[in-house]
Amino acid sequence: GGLVRMGKQMANGMTLAMSLWSDHAAYCLWLDSSYPADADSSKPGVMRGSCPTSGGRPAEVEAQHPDATVKFMNIRVGDIGSTY
């Protein structure tokens, strides 16, 4: 599954991406769906995950979770192994 594949990729090194779902421009499709949504998903780089292109609409997400909040804390930046 996806978690096993992600674990294998983490061994190669990854970049942290923090995303807020209320993305009015691209609905976070760039993260875990086909993007651009109107592109051929068989082309390299278009299929980025299994989420439907109809998901992540801000009005729907905000209506379902009107009191949602987020806090990003204790984030460190530096070479791998240098931020302990």
C-alpha atoms as a PDB file:
ATOM      1  CA  GLY A   1       0.000   0.000   0.000  1.00  0.00           C
ATOM      2  CA  GLY A   2       0.823   3.673   0.064  1.00  0.00           C
ATOM      3  CA  LEU A   3       2.337   3.628   3.552  1.00  0.00           C
ATOM      4  CA  VAL A   4       4.884   0.958   2.611  1.00  0.00           C
ATOM      5  CA  ARG A   5       5.862   2.887  -0.523  1.00  0.00           C
ATOM      6  CA  MET A   6       6.142   6.111   1.445  1.00  0.00           C
ATOM      7  CA  GLY A   7       8.408   4.421   3.978  1.00  0.00           C
ATOM      8  CA  LYS A   8      10.714   3.218   1.208  1.00  0.00           C
ATOM      9  CA  GLN A   9      10.842   6.703  -0.300  1.00  0.00           C
ATOM     10  CA  MET A  10      11.659   8.248   3.075  1.00  0.00           C
ATOM     11  CA  ALA A  11      14.850   6.200   3.120  1.00  0.00           C
ATOM     12  CA  ASN A  12      15.896   8.132  -0.005  1.00  0.00           C
ATOM     13  CA  GLY A  13      15.241  11.521   1.625  1.00  0.00           C
ATOM     14  CA  MET A  14      12.170  13.704   1.350  1.00  0.00           C
ATOM     15  CA  THR A  15      11.085  17.321   1.575  1.00  0.00           C
ATOM     16  CA  LEU A  16       8.481  18.366   4.118  1.00  0.00           C
ATOM     17  CA  ALA A  17       5.308  19.848   2.631  1.00  0.00           C
ATOM     18  CA  MET A  18       2.624  21.261   4.914  1.00  0.00           C
ATOM     19  CA  SER A  19      -0.727  21.829   3.277  1.00  0.00           C
ATOM     20  CA  LEU A  20      -3.942  23.478   4.399  1.00  0.00           C
ATOM     21  CA  TRP A  21      -6.994  21.874   2.818  1.00  0.00           C
ATOM     22  CA  SER A  22      -8.753  25.151   2.201  1.00  0.00           C
ATOM     23  CA  ASP A  23      -6.838  25.616  -1.051  1.00  0.00           C
ATOM     24  CA  HIS A  24      -9.042  27.840  -3.227  1.00  0.00           C
ATOM     25  CA  ALA A  25      -6.633  27.759  -6.180  1.00  0.00           C
ATOM     26  CA  ALA A  26      -5.981  24.048  -6.725  1.00  0.00           C
ATOM     27  CA  TYR A  27      -8.007  22.217  -4.036  1.00  0.00           C
ATOM     28  CA  CYS A  28      -4.774  20.441  -2.965  1.00  0.00           C
ATOM     29  CA  LEU A  29      -5.035  18.245  -6.046  1.00  0.00           C
ATOM     30  CA  TRP A  30      -1.324  18.860  -6.651  1.00  0.00           C
ATOM     31  CA  LEU A  31      -0.631  16.883  -3.485  1.00  0.00           C
ATOM     32  CA  ASP A  32      -2.670  13.686  -3.803  1.00  0.00           C
ATOM     33  CA  SER A  33      -4.767  13.561  -6.982  1.00  0.00           C
ATOM     34  CA  SER A  34      -4.408  14.170 -10.724  1.00  0.00           C
ATOM     35  CA  TYR A  35      -3.026  17.636 -11.397  1.00  0.00           C
ATOM     36  CA  PRO A  36      -3.700  19.552 -13.489  1.00  0.00           C
ATOM     37  CA  ALA A  37      -7.191  18.056 -13.229  1.00  0.00           C
ATOM     38  CA  ASP A  38      -7.832  18.377 -16.961  1.00  0.00           C
ATOM     39  CA  ALA A  39      -4.516  16.755 -17.959  1.00  0.00           C
ATOM     40  CA  ASP A  40      -4.108  13.183 -19.190  1.00  0.00           C
ATOM     41  CA  SER A  41      -3.476  11.177 -16.007  1.00  0.00           C
ATOM     42  CA  SER A  42      -1.381   8.656 -17.961  1.00  0.00           C
ATOM     43  CA  LYS A  43       1.275  11.325 -18.605  1.00  0.00           C
ATOM     44  CA  PRO A  44       4.264  11.374 -16.241  1.00  0.00           C
ATOM     45  CA  GLY A  45       3.814  13.629 -13.224  1.00  0.00           C
ATOM     46  CA  VAL A  46       0.059  14.107 -13.542  1.00  0.00           C
ATOM     47  CA  MET A  47      -1.149  11.272 -11.265  1.00  0.00           C
ATOM     48  CA  ARG A  48       0.052  12.202  -7.782  1.00  0.00           C
ATOM     49  CA  GLY A  49      -2.320  10.106  -5.670  1.00  0.00           C
ATOM     50  CA  SER A  50      -5.641   8.305  -5.577  1.00  0.00           C
ATOM     51  CA  CYS A  51      -7.899  11.113  -4.305  1.00  0.00           C
ATOM     52  CA  PRO A  52     -10.681  12.126  -6.715  1.00  0.00           C
ATOM     53  CA  THR A  53     -10.372  15.422  -8.583  1.00  0.00           C
ATOM     54  CA  SER A  54     -13.822  16.319  -7.244  1.00  0.00           C
ATOM     55  CA  GLY A  55     -12.606  16.389  -3.631  1.00  0.00           C
ATOM     56  CA  GLY A  56     -11.156  19.146  -1.491  1.00  0.00           C
ATOM     57  CA  ARG A  57     -13.541  21.921  -2.503  1.00  0.00           C
ATOM     58  CA  PRO A  58     -13.098  24.650   0.142  1.00  0.00           C
ATOM     59  CA  ALA A  59     -16.821  25.332   0.599  1.00  0.00           C
ATOM     60  CA  GLU A  60     -17.481  21.649   1.314  1.00  0.00           C
ATOM     61  CA  VAL A  61     -14.479  21.186   3.601  1.00  0.00           C
ATOM     62  CA  GLU A  62     -15.193  24.369   5.574  1.00  0.00           C
ATOM     63  CA  ALA A  63     -18.891  23.455   5.943  1.00  0.00           C
ATOM     64  CA  GLN A  64     -17.986  19.988   7.255  1.00  0.00           C
ATOM     65  CA  HIS A  65     -15.341  21.337   9.671  1.00  0.00           C
ATOM     66  CA  PRO A  66     -16.293  24.928  10.576  1.00  0.00           C
ATOM     67  CA  ASP A  67     -14.204  25.017  13.765  1.00  0.00           C
ATOM     68  CA  ALA A  68     -11.039  23.440  12.359  1.00  0.00           C
ATOM     69  CA  THR A  69      -7.704  24.974  13.336  1.00  0.00           C
ATOM     70  CA  VAL A  70      -4.051  24.183  12.767  1.00  0.00           C
ATOM     71  CA  LYS A  71      -0.797  24.931  14.594  1.00  0.00           C
ATOM     72  CA  PHE A  72       2.663  24.259  13.221  1.00  0.00           C
ATOM     73  CA  MET A  73       5.190  24.222  16.068  1.00  0.00           C
ATOM     74  CA  ASN A  74       8.775  23.220  16.804  1.00  0.00           C
ATOM     75  CA  ILE A  75       9.716  23.088  13.131  1.00  0.00           C
ATOM     76  CA  ARG A  76      13.438  23.042  12.508  1.00  0.00           C
ATOM     77  CA  VAL A  77      15.360  23.588   9.313  1.00  0.00           C
ATOM     78  CA  GLY A  78      18.840  22.295   8.604  1.00  0.00           C
ATOM     79  CA  ASP A  79      20.925  19.507   7.198  1.00  0.00           C
ATOM     80  CA  ILE A  80      19.694  16.005   7.989  1.00  0.00           C
ATOM     81  CA  GLY A  81      20.785  15.080  11.494  1.00  0.00           C
ATOM     82  CA  SER A  82      21.687  18.657  12.496  1.00  0.00           C
ATOM     83  CA  THR A  83      18.481  19.804  14.182  1.00  0.00           C
ATOM     84  CA  TYR A  84      18.324  17.650  17.309  1.00  0.00           C
END
